[in-house]
Amino acid sequence: MGEVKKIILVVFVVLSNTLYGQGLDVIISEEKKGKRIVLFAENTTADSLNIFLLVKAEGYRKSASKPVVTTLAPRSRVPVVTLIELEGSPSQYTYDLVINRERQDVSLATKNQATDLVALISDRIVLFTVHECEKCDLLALALRDRGITPLVFNINENQVIYRQFIQHIQAGLTADTKIRFPIIWNKTRPIFSYEELEAVLLQLQ
């Protein structure tokens, strides 16, 4: 029987692959069999919970960087991500987890508001940021210094808009897509973070 490890989650605070969340409503457990690791999400509450889960993985056959958006039934435990270790490569992963406590069908809400989102970001520069993201802050400041005022959504504070955006670009995402912040919507296409500030600014003129 595979090794089972419990990992407590909290929204967007990562300490040795451990995230801590209010009330421990969702627990991520890891079951490892050989080189295969399966991550399960467990809803410990009596309510249905909508979750957004992004696994940042290195040294695995599948990066799992594609986000998981799903609804967990009350008192349920379901597999959400499978990782397979690469031979000869050090492997590690961390999580970003958002729990939506609103009692609504997020998929339906996203579908109903998708048209509004497309109109909102059409032909605009939009930044999706997270708390304590130095690259996010530097880029937003540099754009404003150049007379460009981007729309900025902090996904820690505006989860629904971010889920709508991910659904909007879903067709262009692959297993190799690495979602890193800031996510930049450059009027018609996404850019996932950057290495050199000046280089990305040239693309956003």
C-alpha atoms as a PDB file:
ATOM      1  CA  MET A   1       0.000   0.000   0.000  1.00  0.00           C
ATOM      2  CA  GLY A   2       1.375   3.389  -0.963  1.00  0.00           C
ATOM      3  CA  GLU A   3       2.814   5.835   1.490  1.00  0.00           C
ATOM      4  CA  VAL A   4       0.253   8.445   2.577  1.00  0.00           C
ATOM      5  CA  LYS A   5       1.316  11.888   3.719  1.00  0.00           C
ATOM      6  CA  LYS A   6      -1.040  14.587   4.979  1.00  0.00           C
ATOM      7  CA  ILE A   7      -0.232  18.173   4.071  1.00  0.00           C
ATOM      8  CA  ILE A   8      -2.150  21.039   5.665  1.00  0.00           C
ATOM      9  CA  LEU A   9      -3.106  23.883   3.331  1.00  0.00           C
ATOM     10  CA  VAL A  10      -3.351  27.612   3.686  1.00  0.00           C
ATOM     11  CA  VAL A  11      -4.036  29.971   0.850  1.00  0.00           C
ATOM     12  CA  PHE A  12      -0.873  31.107  -0.907  1.00  0.00           C
ATOM     13  CA  VAL A  13       1.577  30.655   1.985  1.00  0.00           C
ATOM     14  CA  VAL A  14       4.132  27.962   1.208  1.00  0.00           C
ATOM     15  CA  LEU A  15       6.370  26.418   3.852  1.00  0.00           C
ATOM     16  CA  SER A  16       8.093  23.163   2.913  1.00  0.00           C
ATOM     17  CA  ASN A  17       5.229  22.122   0.648  1.00  0.00           C
ATOM     18  CA  THR A  18       2.721  23.018   3.365  1.00  0.00           C
ATOM     19  CA  LEU A  19      -0.069  25.556   2.923  1.00  0.00           C
ATOM     20  CA  TYR A  20      -2.278  26.717   5.745  1.00  0.00           C
ATOM     21  CA  GLY A  21      -5.949  27.654   5.165  1.00  0.00           C
ATOM     22  CA  GLN A  22      -8.653  29.118   7.324  1.00  0.00           C
ATOM     23  CA  GLY A  23     -10.457  26.406   9.231  1.00  0.00           C
ATOM     24  CA  LEU A  24      -8.548  23.647   7.398  1.00  0.00           C
ATOM     25  CA  ASP A  25     -11.564  23.307   5.103  1.00  0.00           C
ATOM     26  CA  VAL A  26      -9.473  21.590   2.415  1.00  0.00           C
ATOM     27  CA  ILE A  27      -6.600  19.196   3.048  1.00  0.00           C
ATOM     28  CA  ILE A  28      -4.239  17.986   0.352  1.00  0.00           C
ATOM     29  CA  SER A  29      -2.925  14.461   0.845  1.00  0.00           C
ATOM     30  CA  GLU A  30      -0.113  12.811  -1.084  1.00  0.00           C
ATOM     31  CA  GLU A  31      -0.009   9.133  -1.996  1.00  0.00           C
ATOM     32  CA  LYS A  32       3.310   7.957  -3.405  1.00  0.00           C
ATOM     33  CA  LYS A  33       3.898   4.678  -5.234  1.00  0.00           C
ATOM     34  CA  GLY A  34       7.366   4.437  -6.731  1.00  0.00           C
ATOM     35  CA  LYS A  35       7.910   7.422  -9.025  1.00  0.00           C
ATOM     36  CA  ARG A  36       4.219   8.291  -9.172  1.00  0.00           C
ATOM     37  CA  ILE A  37       2.678  10.815  -6.788  1.00  0.00           C
ATOM     38  CA  VAL A  38      -1.059  11.410  -6.683  1.00  0.00           C
ATOM     39  CA  LEU A  39      -2.389  14.487  -4.884  1.00  0.00           C
ATOM     40  CA  PHE A  40      -5.877  14.318  -3.399  1.00  0.00           C
ATOM     41  CA  ALA A  41      -8.084  17.204  -2.282  1.00  0.00           C
ATOM     42  CA  GLU A  42     -10.285  16.496   0.743  1.00  0.00           C
ATOM     43  CA  ASN A  43     -13.238  18.677   1.679  1.00  0.00           C
ATOM     44  CA  THR A  44     -13.627  18.422   5.444  1.00  0.00           C
ATOM     45  CA  THR A  45     -16.789  20.550   5.598  1.00  0.00           C
ATOM     46  CA  ALA A  46     -20.499  19.843   5.195  1.00  0.00           C
ATOM     47  CA  ASP A  47     -20.703  22.274   2.251  1.00  0.00           C
ATOM     48  CA  SER A  48     -19.671  22.054  -1.383  1.00  0.00           C
ATOM     49  CA  LEU A  49     -16.473  24.053  -1.935  1.00  0.00           C
ATOM     50  CA  ASN A  50     -15.065  25.434  -5.160  1.00  0.00           C
ATOM     51  CA  ILE A  51     -11.267  25.291  -5.320  1.00  0.00           C
ATOM     52  CA  PHE A  52      -8.556  26.653  -7.565  1.00  0.00           C
ATOM     53  CA  LEU A  53      -5.342  24.606  -7.275  1.00  0.00           C
ATOM     54  CA  LEU A  54      -2.055  25.359  -9.032  1.00  0.00           C
ATOM     55  CA  VAL A  55       0.856  22.961  -8.489  1.00  0.00           C
ATOM     56  CA  LYS A  56       4.302  24.371  -9.273  1.00  0.00           C
ATOM     57  CA  ALA A  57       6.435  21.307  -9.982  1.00  0.00           C
ATOM     58  CA  GLU A  58      10.021  20.708 -11.064  1.00  0.00           C
ATOM     59  CA  GLY A  59      11.665  17.392 -11.905  1.00  0.00           C
ATOM     60  CA  TYR A  60       8.484  15.600 -12.940  1.00  0.00           C
ATOM     61  CA  ARG A  61       7.413  14.167 -16.301  1.00  0.00           C
ATOM     62  CA  LYS A  62       4.348  16.381 -16.239  1.00  0.00           C
ATOM     63  CA  SER A  63       4.784  19.806 -14.740  1.00  0.00           C
ATOM     64  CA  ALA A  64       1.121  20.007 -13.632  1.00  0.00           C
ATOM     65  CA  SER A  65       1.333  23.766 -14.114  1.00  0.00           C
ATOM     66  CA  LYS A  66      -2.105  23.746 -15.704  1.00  0.00           C
ATOM     67  CA  PRO A  67      -4.527  24.919 -13.001  1.00  0.00           C
ATOM     68  CA  VAL A  68      -7.258  22.716 -11.577  1.00  0.00           C
ATOM     69  CA  VAL A  69     -10.642  24.345 -10.968  1.00  0.00           C
ATOM     70  CA  THR A  70     -13.195  21.978  -9.474  1.00  0.00           C
ATOM     71  CA  THR A  71     -16.012  21.611  -6.977  1.00  0.00           C
ATOM     72  CA  LEU A  72     -15.542  19.303  -3.985  1.00  0.00           C
ATOM     73  CA  ALA A  73     -18.648  17.628  -2.617  1.00  0.00           C
ATOM     74  CA  PRO A  74     -19.148  17.681   1.172  1.00  0.00           C
ATOM     75  CA  ARG A  75     -16.880  15.271   3.074  1.00  0.00           C
ATOM     76  CA  SER A  76     -15.284  14.076  -0.159  1.00  0.00           C
ATOM     77  CA  ARG A  77     -11.727  13.201  -1.151  1.00  0.00           C
ATOM     78  CA  VAL A  78     -10.811  13.166  -4.840  1.00  0.00           C
ATOM     79  CA  PRO A  79      -7.586  12.880  -6.901  1.00  0.00           C
ATOM     80  CA  VAL A  80      -6.664  16.175  -8.538  1.00  0.00           C
ATOM     81  CA  VAL A  81      -3.069  15.953  -9.827  1.00  0.00           C
ATOM     82  CA  THR A  82      -0.679  13.126 -10.779  1.00  0.00           C
ATOM     83  CA  LEU A  83       3.101  13.680 -10.857  1.00  0.00           C
ATOM     84  CA  ILE A  84       5.691  11.254 -12.240  1.00  0.00           C
ATOM     85  CA  GLU A  85       9.310  11.814 -11.194  1.00  0.00           C
ATOM     86  CA  LEU A  86      12.039  12.092 -13.833  1.00  0.00           C
ATOM     87  CA  GLU A  87      15.102   9.927 -13.341  1.00  0.00           C
ATOM     88  CA  GLY A  88      18.284  11.779 -12.432  1.00  0.00           C
ATOM     89  CA  SER A  89      16.488  15.067 -11.714  1.00  0.00           C
ATOM     90  CA  PRO A  90      15.815  16.571  -8.286  1.00  0.00           C
ATOM     91  CA  SER A  91      12.069  16.927  -7.794  1.00  0.00           C
ATOM     92  CA  GLN A  92      10.034  19.333  -5.731  1.00  0.00           C
ATOM     93  CA  TYR A  93       6.647  21.001  -5.832  1.00  0.00           C
ATOM     94  CA  THR A  94       4.635  23.662  -4.058  1.00  0.00           C
ATOM     95  CA  TYR A  95       0.975  24.634  -4.149  1.00  0.00           C
ATOM     96  CA  ASP A  96      -1.216  27.662  -4.564  1.00  0.00           C
ATOM     97  CA  LEU A  97      -4.739  27.017  -3.303  1.00  0.00           C
ATOM     98  CA  VAL A  98      -7.803  29.250  -3.345  1.00  0.00           C
ATOM     99  CA  ILE A  99     -11.015  28.148  -1.647  1.00  0.00           C
ATOM    100  CA  ASN A 100     -14.208  29.802  -2.810  1.00  0.00           C
ATOM    101  CA  ARG A 101     -16.652  29.787   0.083  1.00  0.00           C
ATOM    102  CA  GLU A 102     -19.519  31.287  -1.896  1.00  0.00           C
ATOM    103  CA  ARG A 103     -22.348  28.798  -2.349  1.00  0.00           C
ATOM    104  CA  GLN A 104     -22.730  29.106  -6.087  1.00  0.00           C
ATOM    105  CA  ASP A 105     -21.852  27.174  -9.192  1.00  0.00           C
ATOM    106  CA  VAL A 106     -18.567  28.811 -10.178  1.00  0.00           C
ATOM    107  CA  SER A 107     -18.561  27.133 -13.599  1.00  0.00           C
ATOM    108  CA  LEU A 108     -21.984  28.583 -14.319  1.00  0.00           C
ATOM    109  CA  ALA A 109     -20.996  32.001 -13.004  1.00  0.00           C
ATOM    110  CA  THR A 110     -17.858  31.934 -15.136  1.00  0.00           C
ATOM    111  CA  LYS A 111     -19.817  30.948 -18.229  1.00  0.00           C
ATOM    112  CA  ASN A 112     -22.409  33.653 -17.698  1.00  0.00           C
ATOM    113  CA  GLN A 113     -19.783  36.366 -17.207  1.00  0.00           C
ATOM    114  CA  ALA A 114     -17.299  35.259 -19.884  1.00  0.00           C
ATOM    115  CA  THR A 115     -18.637  37.733 -22.443  1.00  0.00           C
ATOM    116  CA  ASP A 116     -18.190  40.592 -19.965  1.00  0.00           C
ATOM    117  CA  LEU A 117     -14.603  39.531 -19.277  1.00  0.00           C
ATOM    118  CA  VAL A 118     -13.698  39.429 -22.989  1.00  0.00           C
ATOM    119  CA  ALA A 119     -15.092  42.929 -23.426  1.00  0.00           C
ATOM    120  CA  LEU A 120     -13.207  44.094 -20.338  1.00  0.00           C
ATOM    121  CA  ILE A 121      -9.759  42.915 -21.470  1.00  0.00           C
ATOM    122  CA  SER A 122     -10.174  43.346 -25.221  1.00  0.00           C
ATOM    123  CA  ASP A 123      -7.267  45.327 -26.701  1.00  0.00           C
ATOM    124  CA  ARG A 124      -5.946  46.183 -23.232  1.00  0.00           C
ATOM    125  CA  ILE A 125      -2.897  45.335 -21.173  1.00  0.00           C
ATOM    126  CA  VAL A 126      -3.979  43.407 -18.073  1.00  0.00           C
ATOM    127  CA  LEU A 127      -1.835  42.138 -15.211  1.00  0.00           C
ATOM    128  CA  PHE A 128      -2.854  39.229 -12.989  1.00  0.00           C
ATOM    129  CA  THR A 129      -0.755  39.420  -9.840  1.00  0.00           C
ATOM    130  CA  VAL A 130      -0.411  37.776  -6.429  1.00  0.00           C
ATOM    131  CA  HIS A 131       0.603  39.081  -3.022  1.00  0.00           C
ATOM    132  CA  GLU A 132       4.338  39.668  -2.425  1.00  0.00           C
ATOM    133  CA  CYS A 133       5.263  39.395  -6.116  1.00  0.00           C
ATOM    134  CA  GLU A 134       8.246  41.652  -6.818  1.00  0.00           C
ATOM    135  CA  LYS A 135       8.081  41.114 -10.585  1.00  0.00           C
ATOM    136  CA  CYS A 136       4.400  42.070 -10.543  1.00  0.00           C
ATOM    137  CA  ASP A 137       5.075  45.333  -8.724  1.00  0.00           C
ATOM    138  CA  LEU A 138       8.098  46.231 -10.876  1.00  0.00           C
ATOM    139  CA  LEU A 139       6.220  45.683 -14.124  1.00  0.00           C
ATOM    140  CA  ALA A 140       3.140  47.647 -13.037  1.00  0.00           C
ATOM    141  CA  LEU A 141       5.349  50.574 -11.952  1.00  0.00           C
ATOM    142  CA  ALA A 142       7.442  50.476 -15.136  1.00  0.00           C
ATOM    143  CA  LEU A 143       4.326  50.503 -17.325  1.00  0.00           C
ATOM    144  CA  ARG A 144       2.896  53.492 -15.478  1.00  0.00           C
ATOM    145  CA  ASP A 145       6.234  55.312 -15.824  1.00  0.00           C
ATOM    146  CA  ARG A 146       5.829  54.887 -19.596  1.00  0.00           C
ATOM    147  CA  GLY A 147       2.320  56.302 -19.575  1.00  0.00           C
ATOM    148  CA  ILE A 148       0.609  52.890 -19.804  1.00  0.00           C
ATOM    149  CA  THR A 149      -2.060  52.186 -17.208  1.00  0.00           C
ATOM    150  CA  PRO A 150      -2.790  48.451 -17.125  1.00  0.00           C
ATOM    151  CA  LEU A 151      -5.789  46.811 -15.567  1.00  0.00           C
ATOM    152  CA  VAL A 152      -4.479  44.985 -12.494  1.00  0.00           C
ATOM    153  CA  PHE A 153      -6.230  42.070 -10.787  1.00  0.00           C
ATOM    154  CA  ASN A 154      -4.717  40.548  -7.667  1.00  0.00           C
ATOM    155  CA  ILE A 155      -5.967  36.969  -7.748  1.00  0.00           C
ATOM    156  CA  ASN A 156      -5.739  36.687  -3.955  1.00  0.00           C
ATOM    157  CA  GLU A 157      -8.491  39.298  -3.859  1.00  0.00           C
ATOM    158  CA  ASN A 158     -10.358  38.646  -7.115  1.00  0.00           C
ATOM    159  CA  GLN A 159     -10.531  34.905  -7.691  1.00  0.00           C
ATOM    160  CA  VAL A 160     -13.622  34.863  -9.904  1.00  0.00           C
ATOM    161  CA  ILE A 161     -12.137  37.187 -12.547  1.00  0.00           C
ATOM    162  CA  TYR A 162      -8.991  35.064 -12.649  1.00  0.00           C
ATOM    163  CA  ARG A 163     -10.963  31.844 -13.121  1.00  0.00           C
ATOM    164  CA  GLN A 164     -12.894  33.496 -15.944  1.00  0.00           C
ATOM    165  CA  PHE A 165      -9.625  34.525 -17.558  1.00  0.00           C
ATOM    166  CA  ILE A 166      -8.112  31.035 -17.294  1.00  0.00           C
ATOM    167  CA  GLN A 167     -11.238  29.585 -18.884  1.00  0.00           C
ATOM    168  CA  HIS A 168     -10.986  32.179 -21.669  1.00  0.00           C
ATOM    169  CA  ILE A 169      -7.409  31.118 -22.563  1.00  0.00           C
ATOM    170  CA  GLN A 170      -7.896  27.416 -21.741  1.00  0.00           C
ATOM    171  CA  ALA A 171      -7.753  26.286 -25.364  1.00  0.00           C
ATOM    172  CA  GLY A 172      -4.221  27.644 -25.702  1.00  0.00           C
ATOM    173  CA  LEU A 173      -2.850  25.976 -22.566  1.00  0.00           C
ATOM    174  CA  THR A 174      -0.917  22.725 -22.765  1.00  0.00           C
ATOM    175  CA  ALA A 175       0.753  20.394 -20.277  1.00  0.00           C
ATOM    176  CA  ASP A 176       3.993  22.290 -20.967  1.00  0.00           C
ATOM    177  CA  THR A 177       2.512  25.709 -20.187  1.00  0.00           C
ATOM    178  CA  LYS A 178       4.120  27.093 -17.043  1.00  0.00           C
ATOM    179  CA  ILE A 179       1.792  29.543 -15.348  1.00  0.00           C
ATOM    180  CA  ARG A 180       3.944  32.075 -13.530  1.00  0.00           C
ATOM    181  CA  PHE A 181       3.145  35.532 -12.223  1.00  0.00           C
ATOM    182  CA  PRO A 182       2.597  38.163 -13.281  1.00  0.00           C
ATOM    183  CA  ILE A 183       0.361  36.823 -16.016  1.00  0.00           C
ATOM    184  CA  ILE A 184       0.216  39.529 -18.657  1.00  0.00           C
ATOM    185  CA  TRP A 185      -2.624  39.832 -21.152  1.00  0.00           C
ATOM    186  CA  ASN A 186      -1.014  41.711 -24.025  1.00  0.00           C
ATOM    187  CA  LYS A 187      -4.227  42.870 -25.728  1.00  0.00           C
ATOM    188  CA  THR A 188      -4.745  39.589 -27.610  1.00  0.00           C
ATOM    189  CA  ARG A 189      -2.487  36.953 -26.003  1.00  0.00           C
ATOM    190  CA  PRO A 190      -1.098  35.919 -22.602  1.00  0.00           C
ATOM    191  CA  ILE A 191       2.521  36.195 -21.461  1.00  0.00           C
ATOM    192  CA  PHE A 192       3.458  34.144 -18.403  1.00  0.00           C
ATOM    193  CA  SER A 193       5.918  36.226 -16.368  1.00  0.00           C
ATOM    194  CA  TYR A 194       9.260  37.463 -17.701  1.00  0.00           C
ATOM    195  CA  GLU A 195      12.998  37.196 -17.178  1.00  0.00           C
ATOM    196  CA  GLU A 196      14.134  40.683 -18.234  1.00  0.00           C
ATOM    197  CA  LEU A 197      11.958  43.693 -17.454  1.00  0.00           C
ATOM    198  CA  GLU A 198      13.105  45.742 -20.440  1.00  0.00           C
ATOM    199  CA  ALA A 199      12.515  42.846 -22.833  1.00  0.00           C
ATOM    200  CA  VAL A 200       8.901  42.384 -21.778  1.00  0.00           C
ATOM    201  CA  LEU A 201       8.281  46.142 -21.838  1.00  0.00           C
ATOM    202  CA  LEU A 202       9.287  46.175 -25.534  1.00  0.00           C
ATOM    203  CA  GLN A 203       6.529  43.649 -26.205  1.00  0.00           C
ATOM    204  CA  LEU A 204       3.957  45.807 -24.424  1.00  0.00           C
ATOM    205  CA  GLN A 205       4.500  49.086 -26.268  1.00  0.00           C
END
